[in-house]
C-alpha cells in the first residue's frame, strides 16, 4: 500500500509539474518515487503525459529504452 501511495503521489506531481524532472534519453524524463528505489519514465506529448515505465533504479536502463 505504501508503494502505491508513493507512486500515486509521484504521478500526481508529474501531472501538475511535467517539466520539473530532468530528461534522461531524448525527450524522456525520469521521476524518482519517494522512499522507494523506483523511477517513473515518461514523456510529454502536447497536453498528454505518457508513462513509459516504472522500473527499479538498479535495473539496466536498456530495459525501458526498448519500450520506446
N, C-alpha and C. Protein backbone atom coordinates (compact mmCIF):
# COMPACT_ATOMS: atom_id res chain seq x y z
N UNK A 1 0.80 -1.19 0.00
CA UNK A 1 0.00 0.00 0.00
C UNK A 1 0.85 1.26 0.00
N UNK A 2 1.95 1.27 0.75
CA UNK A 2 2.79 2.46 0.80
C UNK A 2 3.39 2.78 -0.56
N UNK A 3 3.80 1.72 -1.28
CA UNK A 3 4.37 1.95 -2.61
C UNK A 3 3.32 2.56 -3.54
N UNK A 4 2.11 2.03 -3.52
CA UNK A 4 1.06 2.57 -4.39
C UNK A 4 0.74 4.02 -4.07
N UNK A 5 0.75 4.35 -2.80
CA UNK A 5 0.52 5.74 -2.40
C UNK A 5 1.66 6.63 -2.88
N UNK A 6 2.90 6.19 -2.71
CA UNK A 6 4.05 6.97 -3.15
C UNK A 6 4.07 7.10 -4.68
N UNK A 7 3.73 6.01 -5.37
CA UNK A 7 3.66 6.05 -6.83
C UNK A 7 2.57 7.02 -7.29
N UNK A 8 1.42 6.96 -6.66
CA UNK A 8 0.32 7.87 -6.99
C UNK A 8 0.70 9.33 -6.76
N UNK A 9 1.41 9.59 -5.66
CA UNK A 9 1.87 10.95 -5.38
C UNK A 9 2.85 11.43 -6.45
N UNK A 10 3.71 10.53 -6.90
CA UNK A 10 4.67 10.88 -7.95
C UNK A 10 3.95 11.19 -9.25
N UNK A 11 2.98 10.38 -9.61
CA UNK A 11 2.21 10.61 -10.82
C UNK A 11 1.47 11.94 -10.73
N UNK A 12 0.89 12.23 -9.59
CA UNK A 12 0.18 13.50 -9.41
C UNK A 12 1.12 14.69 -9.54
N UNK A 13 2.33 14.57 -8.96
CA UNK A 13 3.30 15.66 -9.07
C UNK A 13 3.73 15.84 -10.53
N UNK A 14 3.94 14.73 -11.24
CA UNK A 14 4.27 14.81 -12.66
C UNK A 14 3.14 15.51 -13.41
N UNK A 15 1.90 15.16 -13.10
CA UNK A 15 0.75 15.76 -13.77
C UNK A 15 0.71 17.28 -13.58
N UNK A 16 1.03 17.72 -12.37
CA UNK A 16 0.99 19.15 -12.06
C UNK A 16 2.23 19.90 -12.52
N UNK A 17 3.38 19.20 -12.60
CA UNK A 17 4.66 19.84 -12.94
C UNK A 17 5.44 18.97 -13.92
N UNK A 18 4.92 18.73 -15.11
CA UNK A 18 5.54 17.74 -16.00
C UNK A 18 6.97 18.05 -16.43
N UNK A 19 7.34 19.31 -16.47
CA UNK A 19 8.68 19.66 -16.93
C UNK A 19 9.70 19.83 -15.81
N UNK A 20 9.32 19.50 -14.59
CA UNK A 20 10.23 19.71 -13.45
C UNK A 20 11.29 18.63 -13.31
N UNK A 21 11.10 17.51 -13.97
CA UNK A 21 12.08 16.42 -13.87
C UNK A 21 13.05 16.45 -15.05
N UNK A 22 14.27 15.95 -14.85
CA UNK A 22 15.28 16.01 -15.92
C UNK A 22 15.01 15.01 -17.05
N UNK A 23 15.47 15.37 -18.23
CA UNK A 23 15.41 14.44 -19.35
C UNK A 23 16.57 13.46 -19.22
N UNK A 24 16.32 12.21 -19.62
CA UNK A 24 17.35 11.18 -19.48
C UNK A 24 17.68 10.49 -20.79
N UNK A 25 16.79 10.59 -21.78
CA UNK A 25 17.04 9.96 -23.06
C UNK A 25 16.12 10.63 -24.07
N UNK A 26 16.70 11.50 -24.88
CA UNK A 26 15.87 12.26 -25.80
C UNK A 26 14.90 13.13 -25.03
N UNK A 27 13.62 12.97 -25.27
CA UNK A 27 12.60 13.77 -24.58
C UNK A 27 12.01 13.04 -23.39
N UNK A 28 12.56 11.88 -23.05
CA UNK A 28 12.04 11.11 -21.91
C UNK A 28 12.56 11.71 -20.61
N UNK A 29 11.71 11.70 -19.61
CA UNK A 29 12.07 12.25 -18.30
C UNK A 29 11.98 11.17 -17.23
N UNK A 30 12.68 11.40 -16.12
CA UNK A 30 12.70 10.41 -15.04
C UNK A 30 12.34 11.09 -13.72
N UNK A 31 11.34 10.51 -13.05
CA UNK A 31 10.96 10.96 -11.72
C UNK A 31 11.20 9.80 -10.76
N UNK A 32 11.77 10.10 -9.61
CA UNK A 32 12.06 9.09 -8.61
C UNK A 32 10.87 8.99 -7.66
N UNK A 33 10.42 7.77 -7.36
CA UNK A 33 9.33 7.55 -6.42
C UNK A 33 9.90 7.71 -5.01
N UNK A 34 9.34 8.65 -4.26
CA UNK A 34 9.82 8.97 -2.91
C UNK A 34 9.80 7.73 -2.01
N UNK A 35 10.93 7.47 -1.32
CA UNK A 35 11.11 6.38 -0.36
C UNK A 35 11.27 5.00 -0.98
N UNK A 36 11.23 4.89 -2.29
CA UNK A 36 11.37 3.61 -2.96
C UNK A 36 12.38 3.74 -4.09
N UNK A 37 13.11 2.68 -4.39
CA UNK A 37 14.14 2.77 -5.44
C UNK A 37 13.57 2.55 -6.85
N UNK A 38 12.47 3.24 -7.15
CA UNK A 38 11.84 3.10 -8.45
C UNK A 38 11.81 4.44 -9.18
N UNK A 39 11.91 4.35 -10.50
CA UNK A 39 11.84 5.53 -11.36
C UNK A 39 10.63 5.42 -12.26
N UNK A 40 9.98 6.54 -12.49
CA UNK A 40 8.90 6.63 -13.47
C UNK A 40 9.48 7.33 -14.69
N UNK A 41 9.47 6.65 -15.81
CA UNK A 41 9.96 7.21 -17.07
C UNK A 41 8.74 7.64 -17.86
N UNK A 42 8.76 8.89 -18.33
CA UNK A 42 7.61 9.41 -19.06
C UNK A 42 8.06 10.43 -20.09
N UNK A 43 7.12 10.79 -20.98
CA UNK A 43 7.38 11.87 -21.92
C UNK A 43 6.11 12.71 -22.04
N UNK A 44 6.31 13.92 -22.46
CA UNK A 44 5.21 14.87 -22.62
C UNK A 44 4.87 14.93 -24.11
N UNK A 45 3.61 14.72 -24.42
CA UNK A 45 3.12 14.81 -25.80
C UNK A 45 1.97 15.81 -25.83
N UNK A 46 2.29 17.06 -26.09
CA UNK A 46 1.26 18.10 -26.06
C UNK A 46 0.72 18.27 -24.66
N UNK A 47 -0.58 18.00 -24.48
CA UNK A 47 -1.21 18.10 -23.16
C UNK A 47 -1.32 16.73 -22.49
N UNK A 48 -0.65 15.74 -23.06
CA UNK A 48 -0.71 14.38 -22.54
C UNK A 48 0.64 13.97 -21.96
N UNK A 49 0.60 13.25 -20.86
CA UNK A 49 1.81 12.67 -20.27
C UNK A 49 1.73 11.17 -20.48
N UNK A 50 2.70 10.63 -21.17
CA UNK A 50 2.74 9.20 -21.47
C UNK A 50 3.76 8.53 -20.56
N UNK A 51 3.29 7.68 -19.64
CA UNK A 51 4.19 6.93 -18.75
C UNK A 51 4.69 5.72 -19.53
N UNK A 52 6.00 5.63 -19.68
CA UNK A 52 6.62 4.55 -20.44
C UNK A 52 6.95 3.38 -19.54
N UNK A 53 7.43 3.66 -18.33
CA UNK A 53 7.84 2.57 -17.44
C UNK A 53 7.89 3.05 -16.00
N UNK A 54 7.71 2.11 -15.09
CA UNK A 54 8.02 2.28 -13.69
C UNK A 54 9.00 1.15 -13.41
N UNK A 55 10.25 1.50 -13.22
CA UNK A 55 11.30 0.47 -13.19
C UNK A 55 12.22 0.69 -11.98
N UNK A 56 12.69 -0.41 -11.41
CA UNK A 56 13.61 -0.35 -10.27
C UNK A 56 14.87 0.41 -10.68
N UNK A 57 15.36 1.24 -9.81
CA UNK A 57 16.52 2.08 -10.09
C UNK A 57 17.80 1.33 -10.37
N UNK A 58 17.91 0.10 -9.94
CA UNK A 58 19.12 -0.69 -10.18
C UNK A 58 19.05 -1.52 -11.46
N UNK A 59 17.90 -1.51 -12.15
CA UNK A 59 17.76 -2.28 -13.38
C UNK A 59 18.53 -1.63 -14.51
N UNK A 60 18.88 -2.41 -15.47
CA UNK A 60 19.58 -1.94 -16.65
C UNK A 60 18.67 -0.97 -17.41
N UNK A 61 19.10 0.27 -17.65
CA UNK A 61 18.23 1.23 -18.33
C UNK A 61 17.86 0.83 -19.76
N UNK A 62 18.58 -0.12 -20.32
CA UNK A 62 18.22 -0.57 -21.67
C UNK A 62 16.87 -1.26 -21.68
N UNK A 63 16.41 -1.77 -20.53
CA UNK A 63 15.10 -2.44 -20.46
C UNK A 63 13.98 -1.50 -20.83
N UNK A 64 13.96 -0.30 -20.24
CA UNK A 64 12.88 0.62 -20.56
C UNK A 64 13.09 1.29 -21.91
N UNK A 65 14.33 1.42 -22.35
CA UNK A 65 14.56 2.04 -23.66
C UNK A 65 14.03 1.19 -24.81
N UNK A 66 13.90 -0.10 -24.59
CA UNK A 66 13.33 -0.98 -25.62
C UNK A 66 11.84 -0.71 -25.82
N UNK A 67 11.20 -0.09 -24.85
CA UNK A 67 9.77 0.16 -24.93
C UNK A 67 9.41 1.36 -25.81
N UNK A 68 10.42 2.16 -26.16
CA UNK A 68 10.10 3.38 -26.93
C UNK A 68 10.23 3.20 -28.42
